[in-house]
Amino acid sequence: MKPQILCGLLLALPLWAQAQVVVIVNPKAAADGLNAEQVAAFYLGKASSLPGGLSQALDLPESSAARELFYSKAASKTPSQVKAIWARLAFSGKATPPKELASAAEIKKFVAAHTDAIGYIEKSAVDGTVKVVMTVE
């Protein structure tokens, strides 16, 4: 019986340990709060900008767990759905996909240097160089 309980706890651990993802902007950006619908529309190419003049979207790599969590919670899309949406939009010339950076540290650095940039990172990586405008739930 004990191995079964231990196995169950180990399987549930990723759910408890799941990182919280937040959407960040430059502290000088006019945007103070965004909702999931606004962010999803922007990150899925349905809107070309966000309130406060935000126009540069940043993405983590496809292999990132934070990216998967972001799109599943903020936009209700799987990674393959997001990839298909952007392939269609890019092919038709209607929109350009978000700029992909290698890490949360790079996203944070880019956002801190550009008042029109928006990105998402794990909440634990937030510091005074960026401002949180939405928590992904």
N, C-alpha and C. Protein backbone atom coordinates (compact mmCIF):
# COMPACT_ATOMS: atom_id res chain seq x y z
N MET A 1 0.82 -1.21 0.00
CA MET A 1 0.00 0.00 0.00
C MET A 1 0.86 1.26 0.00
N LYS A 2 1.95 1.28 0.76
CA LYS A 2 2.80 2.47 0.81
C LYS A 2 3.40 2.83 -0.55
N PRO A 3 3.86 1.86 -1.35
CA PRO A 3 4.38 2.24 -2.67
C PRO A 3 3.32 2.90 -3.55
N GLN A 4 2.06 2.48 -3.40
CA GLN A 4 0.99 3.08 -4.20
C GLN A 4 0.75 4.54 -3.80
N ILE A 5 0.80 4.79 -2.51
CA ILE A 5 0.62 6.16 -2.03
C ILE A 5 1.77 7.03 -2.49
N LEU A 6 2.99 6.51 -2.35
CA LEU A 6 4.16 7.26 -2.78
C LEU A 6 4.11 7.56 -4.28
N CYS A 7 3.70 6.57 -5.06
CA CYS A 7 3.59 6.76 -6.51
C CYS A 7 2.54 7.84 -6.83
N GLY A 8 1.42 7.81 -6.14
CA GLY A 8 0.38 8.81 -6.35
C GLY A 8 0.86 10.21 -6.01
N LEU A 9 1.61 10.32 -4.91
CA LEU A 9 2.15 11.63 -4.53
C LEU A 9 3.16 12.14 -5.55
N LEU A 10 3.99 11.24 -6.06
CA LEU A 10 4.98 11.64 -7.06
C LEU A 10 4.32 12.08 -8.36
N LEU A 11 3.22 11.42 -8.72
CA LEU A 11 2.50 11.81 -9.94
C LEU A 11 1.81 13.16 -9.78
N ALA A 12 1.37 13.47 -8.58
CA ALA A 12 0.68 14.73 -8.33
C ALA A 12 1.65 15.89 -8.10
N LEU A 13 2.91 15.60 -7.81
CA LEU A 13 3.89 16.64 -7.52
C LEU A 13 3.99 17.72 -8.59
N PRO A 14 4.01 17.37 -9.89
CA PRO A 14 4.09 18.45 -10.89
C PRO A 14 2.92 19.44 -10.81
N LEU A 15 1.76 18.99 -10.38
CA LEU A 15 0.62 19.90 -10.25
C LEU A 15 0.85 20.89 -9.12
N TRP A 16 1.43 20.42 -8.03
CA TRP A 16 1.69 21.32 -6.91
C TRP A 16 2.86 22.25 -7.21
N ALA A 17 3.84 21.73 -7.92
CA ALA A 17 5.05 22.48 -8.18
C ALA A 17 4.95 23.37 -9.41
N GLN A 18 3.80 23.39 -10.05
CA GLN A 18 3.65 24.16 -11.28
C GLN A 18 3.91 25.64 -11.00
N ALA A 19 4.79 26.19 -11.77
CA ALA A 19 5.17 27.59 -11.58
C ALA A 19 4.01 28.51 -11.95
N GLN A 20 3.98 29.65 -11.32
CA GLN A 20 2.99 30.66 -11.66
C GLN A 20 3.61 31.59 -12.69
N VAL A 21 2.88 31.88 -13.75
CA VAL A 21 3.37 32.72 -14.83
C VAL A 21 2.68 34.07 -14.76
N VAL A 22 3.47 35.12 -15.00
CA VAL A 22 2.94 36.48 -15.00
C VAL A 22 3.31 37.17 -16.30
N VAL A 23 2.49 38.12 -16.70
CA VAL A 23 2.75 38.93 -17.89
C VAL A 23 3.41 40.21 -17.40
N ILE A 24 4.51 40.58 -18.06
CA ILE A 24 5.31 41.72 -17.60
C ILE A 24 5.47 42.77 -18.70
N VAL A 25 5.64 44.01 -18.25
CA VAL A 25 5.94 45.14 -19.14
C VAL A 25 7.02 45.99 -18.46
N ASN A 26 7.50 46.97 -19.18
CA ASN A 26 8.45 47.93 -18.65
C ASN A 26 7.74 48.77 -17.57
N PRO A 27 8.41 49.08 -16.46
CA PRO A 27 7.76 49.89 -15.42
C PRO A 27 7.27 51.25 -15.90
N LYS A 28 7.87 51.78 -16.97
CA LYS A 28 7.46 53.08 -17.50
C LYS A 28 6.31 52.98 -18.49
N ALA A 29 5.91 51.77 -18.84
CA ALA A 29 4.80 51.57 -19.79
C ALA A 29 3.50 52.06 -19.17
N ALA A 30 2.64 52.60 -20.00
CA ALA A 30 1.36 53.14 -19.53
C ALA A 30 0.38 52.05 -19.11
N ALA A 31 0.58 50.83 -19.57
CA ALA A 31 -0.33 49.73 -19.23
C ALA A 31 -0.19 49.38 -17.76
N ASP A 32 -1.32 49.35 -17.06
CA ASP A 32 -1.30 49.00 -15.64
C ASP A 32 -1.93 47.66 -15.35
N GLY A 33 -2.89 47.26 -16.11
CA GLY A 33 -3.54 45.98 -15.91
C GLY A 33 -4.15 45.50 -17.21
N LEU A 34 -3.93 44.26 -17.51
CA LEU A 34 -4.50 43.67 -18.72
C LEU A 34 -5.30 42.44 -18.33
N ASN A 35 -6.27 42.07 -19.17
CA ASN A 35 -7.02 40.85 -18.89
C ASN A 35 -6.61 39.76 -19.87
N ALA A 36 -7.03 38.55 -19.58
CA ALA A 36 -6.63 37.40 -20.39
C ALA A 36 -7.10 37.52 -21.83
N GLU A 37 -8.26 38.10 -22.04
CA GLU A 37 -8.78 38.24 -23.41
C GLU A 37 -7.89 39.16 -24.24
N GLN A 38 -7.46 40.27 -23.66
CA GLN A 38 -6.57 41.20 -24.37
C GLN A 38 -5.24 40.54 -24.70
N VAL A 39 -4.67 39.88 -23.72
CA VAL A 39 -3.37 39.24 -23.90
C VAL A 39 -3.46 38.11 -24.92
N ALA A 40 -4.51 37.30 -24.82
CA ALA A 40 -4.68 36.19 -25.77
C ALA A 40 -4.85 36.71 -27.19
N ALA A 41 -5.66 37.75 -27.37
CA ALA A 41 -5.86 38.32 -28.71
C ALA A 41 -4.54 38.82 -29.29
N PHE A 42 -3.74 39.45 -28.47
CA PHE A 42 -2.45 39.97 -28.94
C PHE A 42 -1.49 38.85 -29.27
N TYR A 43 -1.37 37.87 -28.39
CA TYR A 43 -0.43 36.77 -28.60
C TYR A 43 -0.88 35.79 -29.68
N LEU A 44 -2.13 35.86 -30.09
CA LEU A 44 -2.61 34.98 -31.16
C LEU A 44 -2.83 35.74 -32.47
N GLY A 45 -2.34 36.97 -32.54
CA GLY A 45 -2.38 37.73 -33.78
C GLY A 45 -3.71 38.36 -34.12
N LYS A 46 -4.64 38.40 -33.17
CA LYS A 46 -5.95 39.00 -33.42
C LYS A 46 -5.95 40.50 -33.15
N ALA A 47 -4.92 40.98 -32.47
CA ALA A 47 -4.77 42.41 -32.18
C ALA A 47 -3.31 42.78 -32.45
N SER A 48 -3.09 43.96 -32.99
CA SER A 48 -1.72 44.36 -33.33
C SER A 48 -1.03 45.13 -32.21
N SER A 49 -1.80 45.55 -31.21
CA SER A 49 -1.22 46.25 -30.07
C SER A 49 -2.14 46.10 -28.87
N LEU A 50 -1.62 46.53 -27.74
CA LEU A 50 -2.37 46.49 -26.49
C LEU A 50 -2.45 47.89 -25.91
N PRO A 51 -3.37 48.12 -24.96
CA PRO A 51 -3.44 49.43 -24.31
C PRO A 51 -2.07 49.82 -23.74
N GLY A 52 -1.77 51.08 -23.80
CA GLY A 52 -0.50 51.57 -23.29
C GLY A 52 0.60 51.55 -24.33
N GLY A 53 0.26 51.27 -25.59
CA GLY A 53 1.26 51.29 -26.65
C GLY A 53 2.12 50.05 -26.76
N LEU A 54 1.71 48.98 -26.12
CA LEU A 54 2.49 47.74 -26.18
C LEU A 54 2.33 47.10 -27.56
N SER A 55 3.46 46.86 -28.23
CA SER A 55 3.37 46.31 -29.58
C SER A 55 4.41 45.23 -29.89
N GLN A 56 5.33 44.97 -28.97
CA GLN A 56 6.35 43.94 -29.18
C GLN A 56 6.10 42.77 -28.24
N ALA A 57 5.58 41.69 -28.76
CA ALA A 57 5.34 40.50 -27.94
C ALA A 57 6.57 39.61 -27.94
N LEU A 58 6.86 39.04 -26.79
CA LEU A 58 8.01 38.15 -26.63
C LEU A 58 7.54 36.78 -26.17
N ASP A 59 8.14 35.74 -26.72
CA ASP A 59 7.81 34.36 -26.38
C ASP A 59 9.02 33.65 -25.81
N LEU A 60 8.76 32.70 -24.94
CA LEU A 60 9.80 31.76 -24.51
C LEU A 60 9.91 30.66 -25.56
N PRO A 61 10.95 29.85 -25.54
CA PRO A 61 11.09 28.76 -26.50
C PRO A 61 9.93 27.77 -26.41
N GLU A 62 9.66 27.08 -27.51
CA GLU A 62 8.57 26.10 -27.55
C GLU A 62 8.71 25.02 -26.49
N SER A 63 9.93 24.70 -26.11
CA SER A 63 10.17 23.64 -25.12
C SER A 63 9.93 24.09 -23.68
N SER A 64 9.65 25.36 -23.48
CA SER A 64 9.49 25.91 -22.13
C SER A 64 8.15 25.51 -21.50
N ALA A 65 8.21 25.04 -20.27
CA ALA A 65 6.99 24.70 -19.53
C ALA A 65 6.16 25.96 -19.26
N ALA A 66 6.83 27.09 -19.03
CA ALA A 66 6.12 28.34 -18.78
C ALA A 66 5.34 28.78 -20.02
N ARG A 67 5.90 28.53 -21.20
CA ARG A 67 5.19 28.87 -22.45
C ARG A 67 3.93 28.03 -22.59
N GLU A 68 4.05 26.74 -22.33
CA GLU A 68 2.89 25.87 -22.44
C GLU A 68 1.81 26.29 -21.44
N LEU A 69 2.21 26.61 -20.22
CA LEU A 69 1.26 27.05 -19.20
C LEU A 69 0.62 28.38 -19.61
N PHE A 70 1.42 29.30 -20.12
CA PHE A 70 0.91 30.61 -20.54
C PHE A 70 -0.18 30.45 -21.60
N TYR A 71 0.10 29.73 -22.67
CA TYR A 71 -0.88 29.60 -23.74
C TYR A 71 -2.09 28.78 -23.32
N SER A 72 -1.89 27.77 -22.49
CA SER A 72 -3.04 26.96 -22.08
C SER A 72 -3.97 27.73 -21.15
N LYS A 73 -3.40 28.54 -20.27
CA LYS A 73 -4.22 29.28 -19.31
C LYS A 73 -4.73 30.62 -19.86
N ALA A 74 -3.87 31.37 -20.53
CA ALA A 74 -4.26 32.70 -21.01
C ALA A 74 -5.08 32.64 -22.29
N ALA A 75 -4.79 31.66 -23.16
CA ALA A 75 -5.45 31.62 -24.46
C ALA A 75 -6.24 30.34 -24.72
N SER A 76 -6.21 29.42 -23.78
CA SER A 76 -6.90 28.12 -23.93
C SER A 76 -6.47 27.39 -25.20
N LYS A 77 -5.16 27.41 -25.48
CA LYS A 77 -4.62 26.77 -26.68
C LYS A 77 -3.45 25.85 -26.31
N THR A 78 -3.32 24.78 -27.07
CA THR A 78 -2.18 23.88 -26.91
C THR A 78 -1.02 24.43 -27.74
N PRO A 79 0.20 23.96 -27.47
CA PRO A 79 1.33 24.42 -28.28
C PRO A 79 1.15 24.16 -29.78
N SER A 80 0.57 23.03 -30.14
CA SER A 80 0.38 22.74 -31.57
C SER A 80 -0.67 23.67 -32.18
N GLN A 81 -1.70 24.04 -31.42
CA GLN A 81 -2.70 24.98 -31.93
C GLN A 81 -2.08 26.36 -32.16
N VAL A 82 -1.25 26.80 -31.22
CA VAL A 82 -0.59 28.10 -31.35
C VAL A 82 0.33 28.10 -32.57
N LYS A 83 1.07 27.03 -32.73
CA LYS A 83 1.98 26.91 -33.88
C LYS A 83 1.20 26.96 -35.20
N ALA A 84 0.07 26.28 -35.25
CA ALA A 84 -0.76 26.27 -36.47
C ALA A 84 -1.34 27.66 -36.75
N ILE A 85 -1.79 28.34 -35.72
CA ILE A 85 -2.34 29.70 -35.88
C ILE A 85 -1.28 30.62 -36.48
N TRP A 86 -0.07 30.59 -35.92
CA TRP A 86 0.97 31.48 -36.41
C TRP A 86 1.48 31.08 -37.78
N ALA A 87 1.48 29.81 -38.09
CA ALA A 87 1.89 29.38 -39.44
C ALA A 87 0.92 29.96 -40.47
N ARG A 88 -0.36 29.90 -40.17
CA ARG A 88 -1.38 30.42 -41.08
C ARG A 88 -1.27 31.94 -41.22
N LEU A 89 -1.13 32.64 -40.10
CA LEU A 89 -1.04 34.10 -40.13
C LEU A 89 0.23 34.58 -40.83
N ALA A 90 1.34 33.92 -40.56
CA ALA A 90 2.61 34.32 -41.18
C ALA A 90 2.58 34.04 -42.68
N PHE A 91 2.01 32.90 -43.07
CA PHE A 91 1.93 32.55 -44.49
C PHE A 91 1.07 33.55 -45.26
N SER A 92 -0.01 33.98 -44.64
CA SER A 92 -0.92 34.92 -45.30
C SER A 92 -0.40 36.37 -45.23
N GLY A 93 0.62 36.60 -44.42
CA GLY A 93 1.18 37.94 -44.29
C GLY A 93 0.37 38.85 -43.39
N LYS A 94 -0.57 38.29 -42.65
CA LYS A 94 -1.45 39.11 -41.81
C LYS A 94 -0.81 39.55 -40.50
N ALA A 95 0.17 38.78 -40.03
CA ALA A 95 0.79 39.12 -38.74
C ALA A 95 2.15 38.45 -38.63
N THR A 96 2.95 38.97 -37.72
CA THR A 96 4.26 38.41 -37.43
C THR A 96 4.22 37.80 -36.04
N PRO A 97 4.72 36.58 -35.87
CA PRO A 97 4.66 35.94 -34.55
C PRO A 97 5.51 36.68 -33.52
N PRO A 98 5.23 36.46 -32.24
CA PRO A 98 6.04 37.07 -31.19
C PRO A 98 7.51 36.68 -31.35
N LYS A 99 8.38 37.57 -30.95
CA LYS A 99 9.83 37.32 -31.00
C LYS A 99 10.17 36.30 -29.92
N GLU A 100 10.84 35.23 -30.31
CA GLU A 100 11.20 34.19 -29.36
C GLU A 100 12.59 34.45 -28.80
N LEU A 101 12.68 34.52 -27.48
CA LEU A 101 13.96 34.69 -26.81
C LEU A 101 14.27 33.41 -26.03
N ALA A 102 15.53 33.19 -25.74
CA ALA A 102 15.99 31.90 -25.20
C ALA A 102 15.62 31.63 -23.75
N SER A 103 15.38 32.68 -22.97
CA SER A 103 15.15 32.46 -21.54
C SER A 103 14.32 33.58 -20.93
N ALA A 104 13.84 33.31 -19.73
CA ALA A 104 13.10 34.33 -18.99
C ALA A 104 14.00 35.52 -18.67
N ALA A 105 15.28 35.27 -18.42
CA ALA A 105 16.22 36.36 -18.14
C ALA A 105 16.34 37.29 -19.35
N GLU A 106 16.37 36.71 -20.55
CA GLU A 106 16.45 37.54 -21.76
C GLU A 106 15.17 38.33 -21.98
N ILE A 107 14.03 37.71 -21.71
CA ILE A 107 12.75 38.42 -21.84
C ILE A 107 12.70 39.58 -20.86
N LYS A 108 13.07 39.32 -19.63
CA LYS A 108 13.06 40.37 -18.60
C LYS A 108 13.99 41.52 -19.00
N LYS A 109 15.17 41.21 -19.50
CA LYS A 109 16.13 42.23 -19.91
C LYS A 109 15.59 43.06 -21.08
N PHE A 110 14.96 42.39 -22.06
CA PHE A 110 14.40 43.08 -23.22
C PHE A 110 13.26 44.00 -22.79
N VAL A 111 12.36 43.49 -21.96
CA VAL A 111 11.21 44.28 -21.49
C VAL A 111 11.70 45.49 -20.69
N ALA A 112 12.71 45.29 -19.86
CA ALA A 112 13.24 46.39 -19.06
C ALA A 112 13.83 47.50 -19.93
N ALA A 113 14.28 47.15 -21.13
CA ALA A 113 14.91 48.12 -22.02
C ALA A 113 13.96 48.73 -23.06
N HIS A 114 12.75 48.18 -23.20
CA HIS A 114 11.82 48.64 -24.24
C HIS A 114 10.43 48.88 -23.64
N THR A 115 9.97 50.13 -23.72
CA THR A 115 8.67 50.47 -23.12
C THR A 115 7.49 49.91 -23.90
N ASP A 116 7.70 49.44 -25.13
CA ASP A 116 6.59 48.89 -25.91
C ASP A 116 6.56 47.36 -25.92
N ALA A 117 7.42 46.73 -25.11
CA ALA A 117 7.51 45.27 -25.10
C ALA A 117 6.65 44.66 -24.00
N ILE A 118 6.19 43.44 -24.27
CA ILE A 118 5.42 42.67 -23.30
C ILE A 118 5.90 41.22 -23.39
N GLY A 119 6.00 40.60 -22.25
CA GLY A 119 6.43 39.21 -22.21
C GLY A 119 5.80 38.49 -21.04
N TYR A 120 6.15 37.24 -20.89
CA TYR A 120 5.68 36.46 -19.74
C TYR A 120 6.85 35.66 -19.21
N ILE A 121 6.89 35.53 -17.89
CA ILE A 121 7.94 34.78 -17.22
C ILE A 121 7.35 34.15 -15.96
N GLU A 122 8.11 33.30 -15.32
CA GLU A 122 7.67 32.75 -14.04
C GLU A 122 7.69 33.87 -13.00
N LYS A 123 6.72 33.84 -12.13
CA LYS A 123 6.59 34.89 -11.11
C LYS A 123 7.85 35.00 -10.26
N SER A 124 8.51 33.88 -10.01
CA SER A 124 9.71 33.88 -9.18
C SER A 124 10.86 34.68 -9.80
N ALA A 125 10.81 34.96 -11.10
CA ALA A 125 11.88 35.70 -11.78
C ALA A 125 11.64 37.21 -11.80
N VAL A 126 10.50 37.66 -11.31
CA VAL A 126 10.16 39.09 -11.33
C VAL A 126 11.02 39.86 -10.34
N ASP A 127 11.49 41.02 -10.78
CA ASP A 127 12.20 41.93 -9.90
C ASP A 127 11.78 43.37 -10.23
N GLY A 128 12.47 44.34 -9.71
CA GLY A 128 12.10 45.74 -9.90
C GLY A 128 12.32 46.29 -11.29
N THR A 129 12.93 45.51 -12.19
CA THR A 129 13.18 46.01 -13.54
C THR A 129 11.97 45.88 -14.45
N VAL A 130 10.94 45.16 -14.00
CA VAL A 130 9.73 44.95 -14.80
C VAL A 130 8.49 45.15 -13.93
N LYS A 131 7.35 45.31 -14.59
CA LYS A 131 6.08 45.50 -13.88
C LYS A 131 5.11 44.39 -14.30
N VAL A 132 4.47 43.76 -13.33
CA VAL A 132 3.49 42.71 -13.60
C VAL A 132 2.15 43.37 -13.92
N VAL A 133 1.56 42.99 -15.07
CA VAL A 133 0.26 43.54 -15.46
C VAL A 133 -0.84 42.48 -15.47
N MET A 134 -0.44 41.22 -15.32
CA MET A 134 -1.44 40.14 -15.28
C MET A 134 -0.80 38.88 -14.72
N THR A 135 -1.55 38.19 -13.90
CA THR A 135 -1.14 36.87 -13.43
C THR A 135 -1.95 35.85 -14.20
N VAL A 136 -1.27 34.89 -14.79
CA VAL A 136 -1.94 33.87 -15.60
C VAL A 136 -2.51 32.82 -14.67
N GLU A 137 -3.85 32.67 -14.72
CA GLU A 137 -4.52 31.71 -13.84
C GLU A 137 -5.42 30.80 -14.63
